Protein backbone atom coordinates (compact mmCIF):
# COMPACT_ATOMS: atom_id res chain seq x y z
CA MET A 1 0.00 0.00 0.00
CA THR A 2 1.44 3.35 -1.04
CA ASP A 3 1.81 6.10 1.56
CA ALA A 4 -0.72 8.79 0.71
CA THR A 5 1.87 11.50 1.28
CA GLN A 6 4.14 10.22 -1.50
CA THR A 7 3.73 9.55 -5.18
CA PRO A 8 4.62 6.01 -6.27
CA ASP A 9 7.37 7.24 -8.58
CA ALA A 10 8.88 9.80 -6.19
CA ALA A 11 12.65 9.80 -6.53
CA PRO A 12 14.64 9.15 -3.35
CA ALA A 13 16.55 12.09 -1.93
CA ALA A 14 20.09 12.33 -3.18
CA PRO A 15 22.71 11.46 -0.57
CA GLU A 16 24.38 14.48 1.00
CA VAL A 17 27.82 12.89 0.63
CA LEU A 18 29.01 10.87 -2.36
CA ALA A 19 31.92 8.48 -1.95
CA SER A 20 33.75 6.23 -4.38
CA VAL A 21 37.09 4.53 -4.93
CA THR A 22 38.61 4.55 -8.42
CA ASP A 23 42.14 3.43 -9.25
CA GLY A 24 43.37 3.98 -5.71
CA VAL A 25 41.73 7.38 -5.22
CA GLY A 26 39.03 7.65 -2.58
CA ARG A 27 36.79 10.57 -3.51
CA ILE A 28 34.42 12.29 -1.08
CA THR A 29 32.06 14.82 -2.64
CA LEU A 30 29.84 17.10 -0.58
CA ASN A 31 26.49 16.89 -2.33
CA ARG A 32 24.26 19.75 -1.25
CA PRO A 33 24.91 22.15 -4.15
CA ARG A 34 21.73 24.19 -3.58
CA ALA A 35 22.96 24.92 -0.04
CA LEU A 36 26.53 25.55 -1.24
CA ASN A 37 27.36 22.15 0.27
CA ALA A 38 26.87 23.41 3.84
CA LEU A 39 27.69 20.74 6.41
CA SER A 40 24.98 18.95 8.34
CA TYR A 41 25.58 16.76 11.37
CA GLU A 42 24.93 13.67 9.28
CA MET A 43 27.47 14.75 6.66
CA VAL A 44 30.20 15.12 9.30
CA GLY A 45 29.58 11.56 10.49
CA THR A 46 29.49 10.19 6.95
CA ILE A 47 32.78 11.82 5.96
CA ALA A 48 34.45 10.59 9.14
CA GLY A 49 33.12 7.11 8.48
CA HIS A 50 34.60 6.94 4.99
CA LEU A 51 37.96 8.26 6.18
CA GLY A 52 37.97 5.71 8.98
CA ALA A 53 37.19 2.87 6.59
CA TRP A 54 39.87 3.96 4.10
CA ARG A 55 42.62 4.57 6.64
CA ASP A 56 43.90 0.98 6.47
CA ASP A 57 42.41 0.04 3.11
CA ALA A 58 45.21 -0.96 0.75
CA GLU A 59 42.97 -0.10 -2.21
CA VAL A 60 42.99 3.59 -1.25
CA ALA A 61 46.28 5.44 -1.71
CA LEU A 62 44.98 8.99 -1.38
CA VAL A 63 41.75 10.90 -0.74
CA VAL A 64 40.20 13.77 -2.72
CA LEU A 65 37.68 16.13 -1.10
CA ASP A 66 35.48 18.25 -3.38
CA GLY A 67 32.01 19.73 -3.64
CA ALA A 68 29.14 19.20 -6.06
CA GLY A 69 28.04 22.00 -8.35
CA ASP A 70 30.05 24.93 -9.66
CA ARG A 71 29.42 27.50 -6.92
CA GLY A 72 31.54 26.27 -4.08
CA PHE A 73 33.30 23.55 -2.14
CA CYS A 74 31.54 24.23 1.17
CA ALA A 75 29.97 27.41 2.55
CA GLY A 76 30.38 26.21 6.15
CA GLY A 77 28.21 24.59 8.76
CA ASP A 78 24.44 24.78 8.69
CA ILE A 79 24.07 27.98 10.73
CA ARG A 80 20.30 27.97 10.43
CA ALA A 81 20.32 24.72 12.41
CA LEU A 82 22.56 26.46 14.94
CA TRP A 83 20.01 29.27 15.22
CA GLU A 84 17.14 26.82 15.58
CA ASN A 85 18.95 25.00 18.37
CA ALA A 86 19.71 28.25 20.18
CA THR A 87 16.12 29.46 19.79
CA ALA A 88 14.70 26.16 21.00
CA GLY A 89 17.08 25.84 23.95
CA SER A 90 18.81 22.84 22.35
CA ASN A 91 22.39 24.06 22.47
CA SER A 92 23.53 20.64 23.65
CA ASP A 93 22.80 19.45 20.09
CA SER A 94 25.06 22.19 18.74
CA ARG A 95 27.85 21.21 21.13
CA THR A 96 27.55 17.62 19.91
CA PHE A 97 27.86 18.84 16.32
CA PHE A 98 30.94 20.91 17.16
CA ARG A 99 32.65 18.00 18.92
CA GLU A 100 32.10 15.67 15.98
CA GLU A 101 33.15 18.32 13.49
CA TYR A 102 36.35 19.19 15.35
CA HIS A 103 37.25 15.51 15.65
CA LEU A 104 36.87 15.31 11.87
CA ASN A 105 39.10 18.36 11.38
CA ALA A 106 41.81 16.73 13.50
CA LEU A 107 41.37 13.42 11.66
CA ILE A 108 41.99 15.12 8.31
CA ALA A 109 45.07 16.90 9.66
CA ARG A 110 46.56 13.64 11.00
CA TYR A 111 45.40 11.36 8.20
CA PRO A 112 48.16 8.89 7.23
CA LYS A 113 47.41 9.17 3.51
CA PRO A 114 47.53 12.29 1.31
CA VAL A 115 44.29 14.31 1.39
CA VAL A 116 43.78 16.58 -1.63
CA ALA A 117 41.20 19.33 -1.06
CA LEU A 118 39.71 21.11 -4.08
CA MET A 119 38.47 24.50 -2.87
CA ASP A 120 36.79 25.52 -6.10
CA GLY A 121 34.41 28.42 -5.46
CA ILE A 122 33.09 29.45 -2.05
CA THR A 123 34.93 27.85 0.88
CA MET A 124 34.08 29.32 4.27
CA GLY A 125 33.80 28.37 7.92
CA GLY A 126 33.31 24.63 8.14
CA GLY A 127 34.62 24.29 4.59
CA ILE A 128 37.94 25.70 5.80
CA GLY A 129 37.83 23.11 8.59
CA LEU A 130 37.71 20.33 5.99
CA ALA A 131 40.09 21.71 3.39
CA GLY A 132 42.41 23.93 5.39
CA HIS A 133 43.94 21.01 7.29
CA ALA A 134 44.39 18.75 4.26
CA SER A 135 47.91 17.87 3.16
CA ILE A 136 47.39 19.29 -0.36
CA ARG A 137 45.15 22.36 -0.55
CA ILE A 138 44.14 23.59 -4.00
CA VAL A 139 42.36 26.80 -4.96
CA THR A 140 41.14 27.96 -8.37
CA GLU A 141 40.46 31.31 -10.01
CA ARG A 142 36.90 31.00 -8.66
CA SER A 143 37.88 30.43 -5.03
CA LYS A 144 36.53 32.70 -2.30
CA LEU A 145 37.81 31.77 1.17
CA ALA A 146 36.79 33.33 4.48
CA MET A 147 36.24 32.80 8.17
CA PRO A 148 33.10 35.00 8.41
CA GLU A 149 32.03 34.17 11.96
CA THR A 150 32.24 37.68 13.44
CA ARG A 151 29.41 38.72 11.11
CA ILE A 152 27.03 36.52 13.12
CA GLY A 153 28.32 37.25 16.62
CA PHE A 154 30.53 34.17 16.62
CA SER A 155 34.24 33.35 16.52
CA PRO A 156 36.38 31.41 14.00
CA ASP A 157 36.51 27.71 14.83
CA VAL A 158 37.13 24.35 13.05
CA GLY A 159 40.84 25.02 13.51
CA GLY A 160 40.46 28.39 11.82
CA THR A 161 42.28 30.14 14.63
CA TRP A 162 45.22 27.74 14.11
CA LEU A 163 45.47 28.86 10.47
CA LEU A 164 44.81 32.53 11.23
CA GLY A 165 47.41 32.54 13.99
CA ARG A 166 50.06 31.23 11.60
CA ALA A 167 49.39 33.62 8.74
CA PRO A 168 52.25 36.06 8.03
CA GLY A 169 52.39 39.07 10.32
CA GLU A 170 48.92 40.17 11.40
CA LEU A 171 47.12 39.04 8.26
CA GLY A 172 45.28 36.37 10.23
CA THR A 173 44.11 38.86 12.84
CA PHE A 174 42.72 41.08 10.09
CA LEU A 175 41.08 38.16 8.27
CA GLY A 176 39.50 36.81 11.45
CA LEU A 177 38.25 40.07 12.92
CA ASN A 178 37.00 41.61 9.67
CA ALA A 179 35.71 38.35 8.19
CA ALA A 180 37.56 39.34 5.01
CA THR A 181 37.33 37.25 1.86
CA MET A 182 40.42 35.86 0.14
CA GLY A 183 40.85 35.08 -3.52
CA ALA A 184 43.30 32.44 -4.68
CA ALA A 185 46.43 34.58 -4.42
CA ASP A 186 45.46 35.86 -0.97
CA ALA A 187 44.66 32.35 0.28
CA ILE A 188 48.10 31.11 -0.75
CA ALA A 189 49.82 34.17 0.73
CA ALA A 190 47.97 33.72 4.03
CA GLY A 191 48.77 30.01 4.27
CA PHE A 192 45.24 28.70 3.66
CA ALA A 193 46.14 27.03 0.34
CA ASP A 194 49.17 25.57 -1.42
CA TYR A 195 48.47 25.49 -5.16
CA LEU A 196 46.46 27.33 -7.81
CA VAL A 197 44.92 25.07 -10.44
CA PRO A 198 42.45 26.42 -13.04
CA SER A 199 38.96 25.09 -12.44
CA ALA A 200 38.84 23.69 -15.97
CA SER A 201 41.89 21.57 -15.16
CA LEU A 202 40.44 19.88 -12.08
CA PRO A 203 38.97 16.88 -13.98
CA HIS A 204 42.35 16.36 -15.64
CA LEU A 205 44.09 16.58 -12.28
CA LEU A 206 41.76 13.95 -10.85
CA GLN A 207 42.45 11.69 -13.82
CA ALA A 208 46.20 12.16 -13.39
CA LEU A 209 45.99 11.29 -9.70
CA GLN A 210 44.17 8.09 -10.64
CA GLU A 211 46.61 7.18 -13.39
CA ARG A 212 49.73 7.89 -11.27
CA ALA A 213 51.70 9.01 -14.31
CA ASP A 214 55.32 10.06 -13.81
CA PRO A 215 56.04 12.01 -11.70
CA GLY A 216 54.12 9.83 -9.34
CA SER A 217 53.73 11.52 -5.96
CA PRO A 218 50.55 13.59 -5.42
CA PRO A 219 52.41 16.91 -4.94
CA GLU A 220 54.44 16.30 -8.09
CA ILE A 221 51.28 15.52 -10.04
CA VAL A 222 49.58 18.68 -8.76
CA LEU A 223 52.61 20.73 -9.83
CA LEU A 224 51.93 19.69 -13.42
CA PHE A 225 48.72 21.73 -13.25
CA ASP A 226 49.84 24.46 -10.84
CA GLU A 227 49.90 28.08 -12.03
CA THR A 228 51.60 31.09 -10.49
CA PRO A 229 48.98 33.28 -8.79
CA GLU A 230 48.70 36.98 -9.39
CA ARG A 231 50.12 39.36 -6.81
CA SER A 232 48.26 39.09 -3.51
CA GLU A 233 46.45 42.33 -2.67
CA LEU A 234 46.30 41.19 0.92
CA GLU A 235 50.07 40.78 1.11
CA ALA A 236 50.50 44.21 -0.48
CA GLN A 237 48.64 45.78 2.46
CA ARG A 238 50.83 44.20 5.14
CA GLY A 239 52.18 47.62 6.19
CA TRP A 240 49.03 49.09 7.72
CA ILE A 241 47.60 45.69 8.65
CA ASP A 242 50.64 44.70 10.72
CA ALA A 243 50.89 48.14 12.31
CA CYS A 244 47.26 48.25 13.38
CA TYR A 245 46.28 44.66 14.11
CA SER A 246 49.24 44.07 16.42
CA ALA A 247 47.45 46.22 19.03
CA PRO A 248 46.47 44.38 22.22
CA THR A 249 42.72 45.12 22.06
CA VAL A 250 40.07 45.61 19.41
CA VAL A 251 39.48 49.15 20.67
CA GLU A 252 43.11 50.03 20.08
CA ILE A 253 43.12 48.28 16.70
CA ILE A 254 40.27 50.55 15.61
CA ALA A 255 42.03 53.62 17.02
CA ARG A 256 45.19 52.79 15.07
CA LEU A 257 43.17 52.21 11.91
CA ARG A 258 41.56 55.64 12.29
CA ASP A 259 45.00 57.22 12.46
CA ARG A 260 46.25 55.65 9.22
CA PRO A 261 46.20 57.53 5.89
CA GLU A 262 45.19 54.50 3.81
CA PRO A 263 41.51 54.46 2.76
CA GLU A 264 41.52 50.67 3.24
CA ALA A 265 42.36 51.17 6.91
CA ALA A 266 39.44 53.54 7.36
CA ARG A 267 37.10 51.06 5.71
CA ALA A 268 38.40 48.29 7.97
CA ALA A 269 37.69 50.44 11.04
CA ASP A 270 34.17 51.21 9.82
CA GLU A 271 33.59 47.51 9.25
CA LEU A 272 34.75 46.53 12.73
CA ALA A 273 32.36 49.07 14.21
CA THR A 274 29.41 47.16 12.71
CA LEU A 275 30.39 43.73 14.03
CA SER A 276 29.53 41.99 17.30
CA PRO A 277 31.64 43.40 20.14
CA THR A 278 31.39 40.06 21.94
CA GLY A 279 32.40 38.11 18.85
CA LEU A 280 35.30 40.45 18.14
CA THR A 281 36.62 40.19 21.69
CA ALA A 282 36.45 36.39 21.65
CA THR A 283 37.99 36.23 18.17
CA LEU A 284 41.04 38.33 19.01
CA ALA A 285 41.64 36.23 22.13
CA GLY A 286 41.20 33.03 20.13
CA ILE A 287 43.70 33.96 17.43
CA ARG A 288 46.28 35.08 19.98
CA SER A 289 45.76 31.87 21.98
CA ALA A 290 46.10 29.68 18.88
CA ARG A 291 49.29 31.48 17.91
CA ALA A 292 50.81 30.24 21.16
CA ALA A 293 49.38 26.70 20.85
CA SER A 294 51.74 23.88 19.92
CA THR A 295 49.17 21.61 18.22
CA LEU A 296 45.98 21.90 16.21
CA GLU A 297 44.23 19.89 18.90
CA GLN A 298 45.07 22.53 21.49
CA ALA A 299 43.63 25.23 19.25
CA LEU A 300 40.48 23.18 18.65
CA ASP A 301 40.05 22.72 22.39
CA SER A 302 40.25 26.48 22.97
CA GLU A 303 37.80 27.08 20.13
CA TYR A 304 35.36 24.57 21.59
CA ARG A 305 35.41 26.29 24.96
CA ALA A 306 34.73 29.61 23.26
CA VAL A 307 31.90 28.46 21.02
CA ALA A 308 30.22 26.53 23.84
CA TRP A 309 29.86 29.88 25.59
CA LEU A 310 29.10 31.97 22.50
CA ILE A 311 26.14 29.83 21.45
CA GLU A 312 24.49 30.75 24.76
CA GLN A 313 24.88 34.49 24.11
CA PRO A 314 22.24 36.69 22.46
CA ASP A 315 24.55 37.91 19.69
CA LEU A 316 24.67 34.55 17.93
CA ARG A 317 20.89 34.35 17.60
CA GLU A 318 20.71 37.99 16.59
CA GLY A 319 23.54 37.72 14.09
CA ILE A 320 22.06 34.69 12.34
CA ARG A 321 18.64 36.32 12.38
CA ALA A 322 19.99 39.44 10.68
CA GLN A 323 22.17 37.65 8.13
CA VAL A 324 20.27 34.45 7.32
CA VAL A 325 16.72 34.40 8.71
CA ASP A 326 15.28 37.91 8.22
CA LYS A 327 18.23 39.09 6.10
CA ASP A 328 17.79 42.71 7.16
CA ARG A 329 21.56 43.02 7.78
CA ALA A 330 20.78 45.16 10.83
CA PRO A 331 21.74 43.23 13.98
CA ASN A 332 21.20 44.72 17.41
CA TRP A 333 24.23 43.56 19.37
CA ASN A 334 24.13 43.12 23.13
CA PRO A 335 26.38 44.61 24.51
CA ALA A 336 26.07 47.19 21.76
CA THR A 337 29.59 48.62 21.77
CA LEU A 338 33.12 47.58 22.63
CA ALA A 339 33.07 50.14 25.45
CA ASP A 340 30.29 48.10 27.07
CA ILE A 341 32.30 44.85 26.98
CA ASP A 342 33.76 43.44 30.18
CA THR A 343 36.83 41.94 28.51
CA ASP A 344 38.03 40.09 31.59
CA ALA A 345 34.62 38.45 31.99
CA VAL A 346 34.58 37.37 28.34
CA LEU A 347 38.09 35.92 28.56
CA ALA A 348 37.19 34.01 31.71
CA ALA A 349 33.99 32.67 30.14
CA ILE A 350 35.60 31.40 26.96
CA SER A 351 38.32 29.58 28.88
CA GLN A 352 35.97 27.43 30.95
CA GLU A 353 35.70 23.78 29.99
CA PRO A 354 32.13 22.76 29.06
CA ALA A 355 30.37 19.91 30.79
CA GLU A 356 31.17 17.70 27.79
CA PRO A 357 34.91 18.12 27.05
CA LEU A 358 36.12 18.01 23.46
CA TRP A 359 38.76 15.37 24.06
CA GLY A 360 37.57 12.76 26.47
């Protein structure tokens, strides 16, 4: 008997993650193109499952991560689900998601086989967590990378602070606080990517990885398709970025930006003034903490402590409401200004270990 709510010939929903093994290459494709391949909780578990199964599989010599569609690799985690959990008082579900996601980030970073990440198109937030810790990180002329968390009253996570803290000079501090977007050249200059391969060449690269033609190692094969990026505009602005973003507080960063003659510095200051004071304070502390960390796992642990507190704060709900739900782009932050922030209280709050530790 057919369910009355379905038509007999209704097609089953497409899986959110596609996985296959061809000629020694395990391929994992994020398959939510209409949602820019945003990560769901189920997708995190599926990806981790495939990586676990392939770890000791002699038939798999390397792994390729990519995204379906032509708009992006992965736009991040499903922040609408994060908002729904916060609104419904189900933040424990969000903490579970974060723990599983961060374990996956660490798994990719420590994977015993080469992991090739193809960051074609939009790659943000959780997408950086997947690709940014891979052993071979490829961008294309269409790539747009960012850690945009401060725009929603949040803080960079998924090991993003580890990458931001290791960017040259204060580029990472600028990228994290201002949620700035990187093109291919900027991503390579900032240490978020290793190679630039034209998007049209990606199918040929995949074929070459499967054929193992001479030269045979994955990096050598990628170099056959690698192109020299244009000059990084981000790197060209190191002067005022390093001078301003080395300040000890966000308030002083803004003050230094206001004193600079460069119009880009003034725009950066104006931008910071529109973002969540709570998110900015937590972000600066997170990047500085990760810079001093000795392992990715330490940085992930600090991020988890921070986000476990931030998801309980009003700015996250308000930021997602303004950017994603109502899309009015007019958040009402609470506290409203950096002058209203009790920095010591924020630093103490984001250092507390949650009831469910990340590693344990």
